[in-house]
């Protein structure tokens, strides 16, 4: 299954997720700088129900929880590729910017 992020969010952020490659390790959740503002994530526990997070692991796969929390969605956008650079299976990629 390609494009595990909602279509509009993936287009907006320039990211795409290949759910077939995702093993649900959660590294992307922990290295996300916006997620790291949450103590639960820093300690590897994952966020709580009402926490404002960018990425979560749900049913063994990464899921985009809130596109507005991602640095790439800020106004002006901030360049960040922490989730991409640390994914061991390369499940998260940039969309082609052609």
C-alpha atoms as a PDB file:
ATOM      1  CA  UNK A   1       0.000   0.000   0.000  1.00  0.00           C
ATOM      2  CA  UNK A   2       1.589   3.251  -1.079  1.00  0.00           C
ATOM      3  CA  UNK A   3       0.836   6.685   0.341  1.00  0.00           C
ATOM      4  CA  UNK A   4      -0.148   5.933   3.933  1.00  0.00           C
ATOM      5  CA  UNK A   5      -0.396   9.678   4.540  1.00  0.00           C
ATOM      6  CA  UNK A   6      -3.664  11.301   3.561  1.00  0.00           C
ATOM      7  CA  UNK A   7      -3.366  12.398  -0.085  1.00  0.00           C
ATOM      8  CA  UNK A   8      -3.727  16.122   0.542  1.00  0.00           C
ATOM      9  CA  UNK A   9      -1.300  16.031   3.449  1.00  0.00           C
ATOM     10  CA  UNK A  10       1.306  14.146   1.413  1.00  0.00           C
ATOM     11  CA  UNK A  11       0.983  16.617  -1.438  1.00  0.00           C
ATOM     12  CA  UNK A  12       1.140  19.571   0.930  1.00  0.00           C
ATOM     13  CA  UNK A  13       4.206  18.307   2.798  1.00  0.00           C
ATOM     14  CA  UNK A  14       6.009  16.713  -0.141  1.00  0.00           C
ATOM     15  CA  UNK A  15       6.226  13.380   1.684  1.00  0.00           C
ATOM     16  CA  UNK A  16       5.004   9.921   0.839  1.00  0.00           C
ATOM     17  CA  UNK A  17       4.830   6.770   2.952  1.00  0.00           C
ATOM     18  CA  UNK A  18       5.122   3.244   1.634  1.00  0.00           C
ATOM     19  CA  UNK A  19       3.180   1.224   4.211  1.00  0.00           C
ATOM     20  CA  UNK A  20       4.487  -2.042   2.707  1.00  0.00           C
ATOM     21  CA  UNK A  21       8.016  -0.988   3.708  1.00  0.00           C
ATOM     22  CA  UNK A  22       7.019   0.317   7.150  1.00  0.00           C
ATOM     23  CA  UNK A  23       7.766  -2.159   9.943  1.00  0.00           C
ATOM     24  CA  UNK A  24       6.294   0.023  12.695  1.00  0.00           C
ATOM     25  CA  UNK A  25       9.600   0.487  14.534  1.00  0.00           C
ATOM     26  CA  UNK A  26       8.625   4.006  15.661  1.00  0.00           C
ATOM     27  CA  UNK A  27      12.004   5.621  14.992  1.00  0.00           C
ATOM     28  CA  UNK A  28      10.324   8.329  12.893  1.00  0.00           C
ATOM     29  CA  UNK A  29       7.997   9.128  15.799  1.00  0.00           C
ATOM     30  CA  UNK A  30      10.905   9.537  18.226  1.00  0.00           C
ATOM     31  CA  UNK A  31      13.211  11.571  15.936  1.00  0.00           C
ATOM     32  CA  UNK A  32      10.496  14.003  14.807  1.00  0.00           C
ATOM     33  CA  UNK A  33      11.531  17.310  16.377  1.00  0.00           C
ATOM     34  CA  UNK A  34       7.934  18.390  16.909  1.00  0.00           C
ATOM     35  CA  UNK A  35       7.044  15.053  18.525  1.00  0.00           C
ATOM     36  CA  UNK A  36      10.111  15.380  20.776  1.00  0.00           C
ATOM     37  CA  UNK A  37       8.437  18.277  22.587  1.00  0.00           C
ATOM     38  CA  UNK A  38       6.368  15.543  24.259  1.00  0.00           C
ATOM     39  CA  UNK A  39       8.113  13.813  27.194  1.00  0.00           C
ATOM     40  CA  UNK A  40       6.290  10.533  26.563  1.00  0.00           C
ATOM     41  CA  UNK A  41       7.740  10.360  23.034  1.00  0.00           C
ATOM     42  CA  UNK A  42      11.249  11.267  24.213  1.00  0.00           C
ATOM     43  CA  UNK A  43      11.212   8.276  26.553  1.00  0.00           C
ATOM     44  CA  UNK A  44       9.927   5.966  23.821  1.00  0.00           C
ATOM     45  CA  UNK A  45       6.451   5.516  25.255  1.00  0.00           C
ATOM     46  CA  UNK A  46       4.504   7.183  22.446  1.00  0.00           C
ATOM     47  CA  UNK A  47       2.075   9.994  22.893  1.00  0.00           C
ATOM     48  CA  UNK A  48      -1.106   9.999  24.887  1.00  0.00           C
ATOM     49  CA  UNK A  49      -4.606  10.186  23.429  1.00  0.00           C
ATOM     50  CA  UNK A  50      -5.003  13.974  23.181  1.00  0.00           C
ATOM     51  CA  UNK A  51      -1.336  14.881  22.546  1.00  0.00           C
ATOM     52  CA  UNK A  52      -0.536  17.082  19.555  1.00  0.00           C
ATOM     53  CA  UNK A  53       1.817  14.872  17.529  1.00  0.00           C
ATOM     54  CA  UNK A  54       2.879  14.716  13.900  1.00  0.00           C
ATOM     55  CA  UNK A  55       3.415  10.954  13.591  1.00  0.00           C
ATOM     56  CA  UNK A  56       2.181   7.973  15.582  1.00  0.00           C
ATOM     57  CA  UNK A  57       2.387   4.202  15.237  1.00  0.00           C
ATOM     58  CA  UNK A  58      -1.055   2.696  14.839  1.00  0.00           C
ATOM     59  CA  UNK A  59      -1.769  -0.967  14.113  1.00  0.00           C
ATOM     60  CA  UNK A  60       1.933  -1.543  13.442  1.00  0.00           C
ATOM     61  CA  UNK A  61       2.332   1.230  10.848  1.00  0.00           C
ATOM     62  CA  UNK A  62       3.299   4.887  10.958  1.00  0.00           C
ATOM     63  CA  UNK A  63       0.425   7.298  10.512  1.00  0.00           C
ATOM     64  CA  UNK A  64       0.362  11.055  10.024  1.00  0.00           C
ATOM     65  CA  UNK A  65      -1.721  12.333  12.911  1.00  0.00           C
ATOM     66  CA  UNK A  66      -1.675  16.091  12.383  1.00  0.00           C
ATOM     67  CA  UNK A  67      -0.120  17.672   9.286  1.00  0.00           C
ATOM     68  CA  UNK A  68      -0.316  21.145  10.875  1.00  0.00           C
ATOM     69  CA  UNK A  69       2.198  20.076  13.535  1.00  0.00           C
ATOM     70  CA  UNK A  70       4.866  19.118  10.960  1.00  0.00           C
ATOM     71  CA  UNK A  71       7.650  21.686  10.423  1.00  0.00           C
ATOM     72  CA  UNK A  72       7.147  21.337   6.679  1.00  0.00           C
ATOM     73  CA  UNK A  73       3.600  22.712   7.145  1.00  0.00           C
ATOM     74  CA  UNK A  74       4.647  25.806   9.097  1.00  0.00           C
ATOM     75  CA  UNK A  75       4.259  29.258   7.587  1.00  0.00           C
ATOM     76  CA  UNK A  76       6.933  29.752   6.405  1.00  0.00           C
ATOM     77  CA  UNK A  77       7.818  26.047   6.076  1.00  0.00           C
ATOM     78  CA  UNK A  78      10.943  24.727   7.777  1.00  0.00           C
ATOM     79  CA  UNK A  79      13.093  22.190   5.977  1.00  0.00           C
ATOM     80  CA  UNK A  80      13.150  18.967   7.975  1.00  0.00           C
ATOM     81  CA  UNK A  81      13.868  15.400   6.984  1.00  0.00           C
ATOM     82  CA  UNK A  82      14.419  13.719  10.341  1.00  0.00           C
ATOM     83  CA  UNK A  83      11.745  11.063   9.747  1.00  0.00           C
ATOM     84  CA  UNK A  84      13.117  10.343   6.261  1.00  0.00           C
ATOM     85  CA  UNK A  85      16.787  10.235   7.245  1.00  0.00           C
ATOM     86  CA  UNK A  86      16.235   7.870  10.177  1.00  0.00           C
ATOM     87  CA  UNK A  87      13.790   5.407   8.615  1.00  0.00           C
ATOM     88  CA  UNK A  88      15.673   2.075   8.412  1.00  0.00           C
ATOM     89  CA  UNK A  89      13.425   0.696   5.648  1.00  0.00           C
ATOM     90  CA  UNK A  90      13.137   3.921   3.606  1.00  0.00           C
ATOM     91  CA  UNK A  91       9.372   3.860   3.953  1.00  0.00           C
ATOM     92  CA  UNK A  92       9.157   7.670   4.087  1.00  0.00           C
ATOM     93  CA  UNK A  93      10.354   9.635   1.057  1.00  0.00           C
ATOM     94  CA  UNK A  94      10.092  13.043  -0.565  1.00  0.00           C
ATOM     95  CA  UNK A  95       7.686  13.313  -3.462  1.00  0.00           C
ATOM     96  CA  UNK A  96       9.340  14.207  -6.739  1.00  0.00           C
ATOM     97  CA  UNK A  97       9.408  17.985  -7.084  1.00  0.00           C
ATOM     98  CA  UNK A  98       9.197  18.144 -10.907  1.00  0.00           C
END
